[in-house]
C-alpha atoms as a PDB file:
ATOM      1  CA  UNK A   1       0.000   0.000   0.000  1.00  0.00           C
ATOM      2  CA  UNK A   2       1.373   3.394  -1.019  1.00  0.00           C
ATOM      3  CA  UNK A   3       0.237   6.572   0.692  1.00  0.00           C
ATOM      4  CA  UNK A   4       0.519   9.376  -1.859  1.00  0.00           C
ATOM      5  CA  UNK A   5       0.651  12.867  -0.420  1.00  0.00           C
ATOM      6  CA  UNK A   6      -0.576  15.992  -2.177  1.00  0.00           C
ATOM      7  CA  UNK A   7       2.385  18.356  -2.085  1.00  0.00           C
ATOM      8  CA  UNK A   8       0.714  21.248  -3.861  1.00  0.00           C
ATOM      9  CA  UNK A   9      -2.178  22.528  -5.933  1.00  0.00           C
ATOM     10  CA  UNK A  10      -2.068  23.788  -9.506  1.00  0.00           C
ATOM     11  CA  UNK A  11      -3.595  27.140 -10.404  1.00  0.00           C
ATOM     12  CA  UNK A  12      -4.221  27.421 -14.140  1.00  0.00           C
ATOM     13  CA  UNK A  13      -6.589  29.139 -16.614  1.00  0.00           C
ATOM     14  CA  UNK A  14      -8.442  25.868 -17.225  1.00  0.00           C
ATOM     15  CA  UNK A  15     -11.444  25.326 -14.969  1.00  0.00           C
ATOM     16  CA  UNK A  16     -12.514  22.176 -16.838  1.00  0.00           C
ATOM     17  CA  UNK A  17     -10.981  19.390 -18.888  1.00  0.00           C
ATOM     18  CA  UNK A  18     -12.520  20.671 -22.136  1.00  0.00           C
ATOM     19  CA  UNK A  19     -10.040  23.018 -23.784  1.00  0.00           C
ATOM     20  CA  UNK A  20      -6.915  21.947 -21.903  1.00  0.00           C
ATOM     21  CA  UNK A  21      -4.097  21.694 -24.478  1.00  0.00           C
ATOM     22  CA  UNK A  22      -2.780  18.191 -25.146  1.00  0.00           C
ATOM     23  CA  UNK A  23       0.753  19.369 -24.354  1.00  0.00           C
ATOM     24  CA  UNK A  24       1.828  22.447 -22.371  1.00  0.00           C
ATOM     25  CA  UNK A  25       3.881  24.194 -25.072  1.00  0.00           C
ATOM     26  CA  UNK A  26       0.923  24.398 -27.470  1.00  0.00           C
ATOM     27  CA  UNK A  27      -0.628  27.355 -25.600  1.00  0.00           C
ATOM     28  CA  UNK A  28       2.136  29.762 -24.500  1.00  0.00           C
ATOM     29  CA  UNK A  29      -0.377  32.125 -22.838  1.00  0.00           C
ATOM     30  CA  UNK A  30      -1.753  29.357 -20.618  1.00  0.00           C
ATOM     31  CA  UNK A  31       0.641  29.924 -17.728  1.00  0.00           C
ATOM     32  CA  UNK A  32       0.150  28.388 -14.304  1.00  0.00           C
ATOM     33  CA  UNK A  33       1.340  28.301 -10.715  1.00  0.00           C
ATOM     34  CA  UNK A  34       2.010  25.540  -8.216  1.00  0.00           C
ATOM     35  CA  UNK A  35       1.177  26.453  -4.611  1.00  0.00           C
ATOM     36  CA  UNK A  36       2.938  24.138  -2.167  1.00  0.00           C
ATOM     37  CA  UNK A  37       0.990  22.846   0.825  1.00  0.00           C
ATOM     38  CA  UNK A  38       2.194  22.282   4.419  1.00  0.00           C
ATOM     39  CA  UNK A  39       4.564  20.772   5.398  1.00  0.00           C
ATOM     40  CA  UNK A  40       6.086  21.054   1.912  1.00  0.00           C
ATOM     41  CA  UNK A  41       5.901  24.864   1.847  1.00  0.00           C
ATOM     42  CA  UNK A  42       9.273  24.865   3.538  1.00  0.00           C
ATOM     43  CA  UNK A  43      12.138  26.698   1.803  1.00  0.00           C
ATOM     44  CA  UNK A  44      14.357  23.665   2.440  1.00  0.00           C
ATOM     45  CA  UNK A  45      12.122  21.567   0.153  1.00  0.00           C
ATOM     46  CA  UNK A  46      12.902  23.738  -2.879  1.00  0.00           C
ATOM     47  CA  UNK A  47      16.497  24.634  -2.073  1.00  0.00           C
ATOM     48  CA  UNK A  48      18.475  24.424  -5.335  1.00  0.00           C
ATOM     49  CA  UNK A  49      15.382  24.152  -7.537  1.00  0.00           C
ATOM     50  CA  UNK A  50      16.050  27.615  -8.955  1.00  0.00           C
ATOM     51  CA  UNK A  51      19.016  26.113 -10.824  1.00  0.00           C
ATOM     52  CA  UNK A  52      16.655  24.285 -13.185  1.00  0.00           C
ATOM     53  CA  UNK A  53      14.729  25.896 -16.036  1.00  0.00           C
ATOM     54  CA  UNK A  54      12.200  23.064 -16.381  1.00  0.00           C
ATOM     55  CA  UNK A  55      10.451  20.612 -14.077  1.00  0.00           C
ATOM     56  CA  UNK A  56       8.575  17.333 -14.270  1.00  0.00           C
ATOM     57  CA  UNK A  57       5.251  17.485 -12.437  1.00  0.00           C
ATOM     58  CA  UNK A  58       3.419  14.334 -11.392  1.00  0.00           C
ATOM     59  CA  UNK A  59      -0.243  14.926 -10.663  1.00  0.00           C
ATOM     60  CA  UNK A  60      -3.595  13.216 -10.224  1.00  0.00           C
ATOM     61  CA  UNK A  61      -6.256  13.165 -12.937  1.00  0.00           C
ATOM     62  CA  UNK A  62      -8.847  13.953 -10.288  1.00  0.00           C
ATOM     63  CA  UNK A  63     -11.489  15.035 -12.820  1.00  0.00           C
ATOM     64  CA  UNK A  64     -11.591  11.654 -14.573  1.00  0.00           C
ATOM     65  CA  UNK A  65     -10.356   9.199 -11.919  1.00  0.00           C
ATOM     66  CA  UNK A  66     -13.897   8.130 -10.978  1.00  0.00           C
ATOM     67  CA  UNK A  67     -14.536   6.912 -14.541  1.00  0.00           C
ATOM     68  CA  UNK A  68     -11.990   4.110 -14.196  1.00  0.00           C
ATOM     69  CA  UNK A  69      -9.687   2.876 -16.938  1.00  0.00           C
ATOM     70  CA  UNK A  70      -9.886   1.051 -20.262  1.00  0.00           C
ATOM     71  CA  UNK A  71      -7.657  -1.428 -22.112  1.00  0.00           C
ATOM     72  CA  UNK A  72      -8.112   0.445 -25.384  1.00  0.00           C
ATOM     73  CA  UNK A  73      -8.526   4.163 -26.044  1.00  0.00           C
ATOM     74  CA  UNK A  74      -9.065   6.388 -29.095  1.00  0.00           C
ATOM     75  CA  UNK A  75      -6.388   9.108 -29.271  1.00  0.00           C
ATOM     76  CA  UNK A  76      -7.587  12.391 -30.828  1.00  0.00           C
ATOM     77  CA  UNK A  77      -4.414  12.413 -32.953  1.00  0.00           C
ATOM     78  CA  UNK A  78      -5.756   9.317 -34.748  1.00  0.00           C
ATOM     79  CA  UNK A  79      -9.109  10.942 -35.456  1.00  0.00           C
ATOM     80  CA  UNK A  80     -10.925   9.391 -32.522  1.00  0.00           C
ATOM     81  CA  UNK A  81     -11.640   6.180 -34.440  1.00  0.00           C
ATOM     82  CA  UNK A  82      -8.551   3.962 -34.244  1.00  0.00           C
ATOM     83  CA  UNK A  83      -7.975   2.178 -30.941  1.00  0.00           C
ATOM     84  CA  UNK A  84      -4.611   1.634 -29.272  1.00  0.00           C
ATOM     85  CA  UNK A  85      -3.565   0.241 -25.901  1.00  0.00           C
ATOM     86  CA  UNK A  86      -3.850   2.463 -22.873  1.00  0.00           C
ATOM     87  CA  UNK A  87      -0.075   2.290 -22.287  1.00  0.00           C
ATOM     88  CA  UNK A  88       0.577   3.515 -25.846  1.00  0.00           C
ATOM     89  CA  UNK A  89      -1.352   6.697 -25.086  1.00  0.00           C
ATOM     90  CA  UNK A  90      -1.468   9.600 -22.686  1.00  0.00           C
ATOM     91  CA  UNK A  91      -5.168   9.158 -22.010  1.00  0.00           C
ATOM     92  CA  UNK A  92      -6.413  10.293 -18.606  1.00  0.00           C
ATOM     93  CA  UNK A  93      -8.353   7.017 -18.139  1.00  0.00           C
ATOM     94  CA  UNK A  94      -5.490   5.029 -16.621  1.00  0.00           C
ATOM     95  CA  UNK A  95      -5.231   2.165 -14.088  1.00  0.00           C
ATOM     96  CA  UNK A  96      -3.600   4.700 -11.764  1.00  0.00           C
ATOM     97  CA  UNK A  97      -4.815   8.230 -12.597  1.00  0.00           C
ATOM     98  CA  UNK A  98      -1.368   9.821 -12.617  1.00  0.00           C
ATOM     99  CA  UNK A  99      -0.321  12.487 -15.108  1.00  0.00           C
ATOM    100  CA  UNK A 100       3.159  13.669 -16.061  1.00  0.00           C
ATOM    101  CA  UNK A 101       3.993  17.060 -17.511  1.00  0.00           C
ATOM    102  CA  UNK A 102       7.219  18.899 -18.341  1.00  0.00           C
ATOM    103  CA  UNK A 103       6.837  22.600 -17.541  1.00  0.00           C
ATOM    104  CA  UNK A 104       9.041  25.677 -17.488  1.00  0.00           C
ATOM    105  CA  UNK A 105       9.964  27.182 -14.123  1.00  0.00           C
ATOM    106  CA  UNK A 106       9.931  30.979 -14.261  1.00  0.00           C
ATOM    107  CA  UNK A 107      10.337  31.894 -10.594  1.00  0.00           C
ATOM    108  CA  UNK A 108       9.973  30.761  -6.985  1.00  0.00           C
ATOM    109  CA  UNK A 109       8.031  33.200  -4.823  1.00  0.00           C
ATOM    110  CA  UNK A 110       8.205  33.218  -1.011  1.00  0.00           C
ATOM    111  CA  UNK A 111       5.334  35.219   0.480  1.00  0.00           C
ATOM    112  CA  UNK A 112       4.194  35.064   4.133  1.00  0.00           C
ATOM    113  CA  UNK A 113       4.549  31.318   4.519  1.00  0.00           C
ATOM    114  CA  UNK A 114       3.513  30.562   0.938  1.00  0.00           C
ATOM    115  CA  UNK A 115       5.828  29.041  -1.625  1.00  0.00           C
ATOM    116  CA  UNK A 116       4.598  29.509  -5.179  1.00  0.00           C
ATOM    117  CA  UNK A 117       6.312  28.090  -8.244  1.00  0.00           C
ATOM    118  CA  UNK A 118       5.615  30.383 -11.179  1.00  0.00           C
ATOM    119  CA  UNK A 119       5.323  28.194 -14.247  1.00  0.00           C
ATOM    120  CA  UNK A 120       5.216  28.676 -17.978  1.00  0.00           C
ATOM    121  CA  UNK A 121       2.573  27.052 -20.146  1.00  0.00           C
ATOM    122  CA  UNK A 122       0.729  24.162 -18.465  1.00  0.00           C
ATOM    123  CA  UNK A 123      -1.682  21.468 -19.645  1.00  0.00           C
ATOM    124  CA  UNK A 124      -3.283  20.849 -16.244  1.00  0.00           C
ATOM    125  CA  UNK A 125      -6.760  21.697 -14.942  1.00  0.00           C
ATOM    126  CA  UNK A 126      -7.057  24.318 -12.203  1.00  0.00           C
ATOM    127  CA  UNK A 127      -7.012  22.910  -8.632  1.00  0.00           C
ATOM    128  CA  UNK A 128      -5.315  19.671  -9.696  1.00  0.00           C
ATOM    129  CA  UNK A 129      -3.351  17.982  -6.862  1.00  0.00           C
ATOM    130  CA  UNK A 130       0.371  17.522  -7.525  1.00  0.00           C
ATOM    131  CA  UNK A 131       2.122  14.564  -5.922  1.00  0.00           C
ATOM    132  CA  UNK A 132       5.756  15.158  -6.908  1.00  0.00           C
ATOM    133  CA  UNK A 133       8.233  17.545  -8.513  1.00  0.00           C
ATOM    134  CA  UNK A 134      11.421  16.429 -10.216  1.00  0.00           C
ATOM    135  CA  UNK A 135      13.987  18.574 -12.011  1.00  0.00           C
ATOM    136  CA  UNK A 136      14.142  18.169 -15.789  1.00  0.00           C
ATOM    137  CA  UNK A 137      17.663  17.112 -16.774  1.00  0.00           C
ATOM    138  CA  UNK A 138      18.348  17.660 -20.500  1.00  0.00           C
ATOM    139  CA  UNK A 139      21.193  15.180 -21.002  1.00  0.00           C
ATOM    140  CA  UNK A 140      19.113  12.290 -19.689  1.00  0.00           C
ATOM    141  CA  UNK A 141      15.531  13.417 -20.330  1.00  0.00           C
ATOM    142  CA  UNK A 142      15.877  14.585 -23.944  1.00  0.00           C
ATOM    143  CA  UNK A 143      16.467  11.971 -26.640  1.00  0.00           C
ATOM    144  CA  UNK A 144      16.764  13.765 -29.979  1.00  0.00           C
ATOM    145  CA  UNK A 145      16.618  10.521 -31.973  1.00  0.00           C
ATOM    146  CA  UNK A 146      13.561   9.122 -30.163  1.00  0.00           C
ATOM    147  CA  UNK A 147      10.643   7.707 -32.144  1.00  0.00           C
ATOM    148  CA  UNK A 148       7.112   8.819 -31.256  1.00  0.00           C
ATOM    149  CA  UNK A 149       4.817   6.778 -33.493  1.00  0.00           C
ATOM    150  CA  UNK A 150       1.554   8.546 -34.304  1.00  0.00           C
ATOM    151  CA  UNK A 151       2.631  11.615 -32.268  1.00  0.00           C
ATOM    152  CA  UNK A 152       5.941  12.276 -34.012  1.00  0.00           C
ATOM    153  CA  UNK A 153       4.867  15.722 -35.245  1.00  0.00           C
ATOM    154  CA  UNK A 154       3.479  18.694 -33.367  1.00  0.00           C
ATOM    155  CA  UNK A 155      -0.250  19.007 -34.181  1.00  0.00           C
ATOM    156  CA  UNK A 156      -1.059  21.681 -36.723  1.00  0.00           C
ATOM    157  CA  UNK A 157      -3.432  24.581 -36.224  1.00  0.00           C
ATOM    158  CA  UNK A 158      -6.902  23.163 -36.771  1.00  0.00           C
ATOM    159  CA  UNK A 159      -9.244  26.179 -36.650  1.00  0.00           C
ATOM    160  CA  UNK A 160      -9.286  29.810 -37.707  1.00  0.00           C
ATOM    161  CA  UNK A 161     -10.508  31.983 -34.804  1.00  0.00           C
ATOM    162  CA  UNK A 162     -12.649  35.069 -35.322  1.00  0.00           C
ATOM    163  CA  UNK A 163     -14.474  37.379 -32.900  1.00  0.00           C
ATOM    164  CA  UNK A 164     -17.891  38.941 -33.347  1.00  0.00           C
ATOM    165  CA  UNK A 165     -18.082  42.644 -32.544  1.00  0.00           C
ATOM    166  CA  UNK A 166     -20.076  41.879 -29.383  1.00  0.00           C
ATOM    167  CA  UNK A 167     -17.260  39.635 -28.107  1.00  0.00           C
ATOM    168  CA  UNK A 168     -14.642  42.257 -28.987  1.00  0.00           C
ATOM    169  CA  UNK A 169     -16.537  44.757 -26.842  1.00  0.00           C
ATOM    170  CA  UNK A 170     -16.703  42.301 -23.952  1.00  0.00           C
ATOM    171  CA  UNK A 171     -12.941  41.726 -24.171  1.00  0.00           C
ATOM    172  CA  UNK A 172     -12.308  45.391 -23.303  1.00  0.00           C
ATOM    173  CA  UNK A 173     -12.837  44.377 -19.660  1.00  0.00           C
ATOM    174  CA  UNK A 174     -10.036  41.787 -19.885  1.00  0.00           C
ATOM    175  CA  UNK A 175      -7.941  42.363 -23.039  1.00  0.00           C
ATOM    176  CA  UNK A 176      -5.233  39.878 -22.007  1.00  0.00           C
ATOM    177  CA  UNK A 177      -7.804  37.077 -22.336  1.00  0.00           C
ATOM    178  CA  UNK A 178      -7.992  37.384 -26.127  1.00  0.00           C
ATOM    179  CA  UNK A 179      -4.652  35.757 -26.930  1.00  0.00           C
ATOM    180  CA  UNK A 180      -5.379  32.862 -24.565  1.00  0.00           C
ATOM    181  CA  UNK A 181      -8.742  32.271 -26.254  1.00  0.00           C
ATOM    182  CA  UNK A 182      -7.113  32.268 -29.689  1.00  0.00           C
ATOM    183  CA  UNK A 183      -4.358  29.852 -28.691  1.00  0.00           C
ATOM    184  CA  UNK A 184      -6.766  27.411 -27.003  1.00  0.00           C
ATOM    185  CA  UNK A 185      -9.577  27.434 -29.551  1.00  0.00           C
ATOM    186  CA  UNK A 186      -7.352  27.247 -32.642  1.00  0.00           C
ATOM    187  CA  UNK A 187      -6.076  23.868 -31.385  1.00  0.00           C
ATOM    188  CA  UNK A 188      -9.655  22.616 -31.893  1.00  0.00           C
ATOM    189  CA  UNK A 189     -10.808  21.357 -28.468  1.00  0.00           C
ATOM    190  CA  UNK A 190     -13.828  19.579 -29.991  1.00  0.00           C
ATOM    191  CA  UNK A 191     -14.138  15.806 -29.523  1.00  0.00           C
ATOM    192  CA  UNK A 192     -12.410  14.045 -32.416  1.00  0.00           C
ATOM    193  CA  UNK A 193     -15.647  12.564 -33.736  1.00  0.00           C
ATOM    194  CA  UNK A 194     -17.106  16.038 -34.281  1.00  0.00           C
ATOM    195  CA  UNK A 195     -14.194  17.480 -36.240  1.00  0.00           C
ATOM    196  CA  UNK A 196     -15.242  16.200 -39.640  1.00  0.00           C
ATOM    197  CA  UNK A 197     -18.653  17.822 -39.428  1.00  0.00           C
ATOM    198  CA  UNK A 198     -19.284  20.850 -41.633  1.00  0.00           C
ATOM    199  CA  UNK A 199     -22.493  21.711 -39.807  1.00  0.00           C
ATOM    200  CA  UNK A 200     -22.605  24.632 -37.408  1.00  0.00           C
ATOM    201  CA  UNK A 201     -21.778  23.467 -33.866  1.00  0.00           C
ATOM    202  CA  UNK A 202     -21.935  25.550 -30.690  1.00  0.00           C
ATOM    203  CA  UNK A 203     -19.599  25.082 -27.716  1.00  0.00           C
ATOM    204  CA  UNK A 204     -18.715  26.662 -24.398  1.00  0.00           C
ATOM    205  CA  UNK A 205     -15.348  26.732 -22.692  1.00  0.00           C
ATOM    206  CA  UNK A 206     -14.239  28.173 -19.341  1.00  0.00           C
ATOM    207  CA  UNK A 207     -10.921  30.036 -19.241  1.00  0.00           C
ATOM    208  CA  UNK A 208      -9.706  32.221 -16.379  1.00  0.00           C
ATOM    209  CA  UNK A 209     -13.161  32.048 -14.773  1.00  0.00           C
ATOM    210  CA  UNK A 210     -14.782  33.364 -17.947  1.00  0.00           C
ATOM    211  CA  UNK A 211     -17.324  31.456 -20.008  1.00  0.00           C
ATOM    212  CA  UNK A 212     -16.521  31.725 -23.715  1.00  0.00           C
ATOM    213  CA  UNK A 213     -19.211  30.754 -26.209  1.00  0.00           C
ATOM    214  CA  UNK A 214     -18.271  29.999 -29.801  1.00  0.00           C
ATOM    215  CA  UNK A 215     -19.546  28.146 -32.812  1.00  0.00           C
ATOM    216  CA  UNK A 216     -17.590  26.227 -35.425  1.00  0.00           C
ATOM    217  CA  UNK A 217     -18.532  26.101 -39.082  1.00  0.00           C
ATOM    218  CA  UNK A 218     -16.259  25.062 -41.978  1.00  0.00           C
ATOM    219  CA  UNK A 219     -13.184  25.053 -39.709  1.00  0.00           C
ATOM    220  CA  UNK A 220     -13.794  28.621 -38.529  1.00  0.00           C
ATOM    221  CA  UNK A 221     -14.441  29.190 -34.819  1.00  0.00           C
ATOM    222  CA  UNK A 222     -16.412  32.370 -34.145  1.00  0.00           C
ATOM    223  CA  UNK A 223     -16.374  33.722 -30.594  1.00  0.00           C
ATOM    224  CA  UNK A 224     -19.746  35.368 -30.004  1.00  0.00           C
ATOM    225  CA  UNK A 225     -20.057  35.812 -26.228  1.00  0.00           C
ATOM    226  CA  UNK A 226     -17.753  36.157 -23.216  1.00  0.00           C
ATOM    227  CA  UNK A 227     -19.261  36.114 -19.742  1.00  0.00           C
ATOM    228  CA  UNK A 228     -17.120  36.931 -16.715  1.00  0.00           C
ATOM    229  CA  UNK A 229     -18.123  34.741 -13.774  1.00  0.00           C
END
């Protein structure tokens, strides 16, 4: 029996699984923070961490853990139709709901008993529990001649993103949100089975505690409403 301890909590722009990028570096504006919890919010725990530019984060897929796991899954990169084994994928529906992400470390902030790791782009839902941090070591963690099967290439931009005038007006309250919306939506967060449809489809996504409504038609995503919650 292993007793896993939550060492910290992620703060990110993504309040739900829908819209989270499949890899952190796909949405540069989607920066996050890791807030360490007691007793791990001790400066001794992060001594020397500032020497590393990138970190490995191990975390719990707490939003999907209750759904259990499957032998076979349908990766979005294969169109959502072809099945492969769970261990040949990065699906969240795993025997042990543990995720792994390589993120950039921008800063370590010490503030009145808090220790906050300022991170670059993340692919983790807000309030996700983190169970470990390990430094990223380039000479051992980066294999330039590695093979990656169906995921050997970075996914291309799937959608063109446009804003209706009403949405542009709403963005005046939070102009920095626009670039995040563009970067997230252009990756096409729709389920794979809906991507081949040319019919008009409406979706909602929550980013930075704002509800963004958009519709997709002929590979163009039109943002028509932004509601600040």
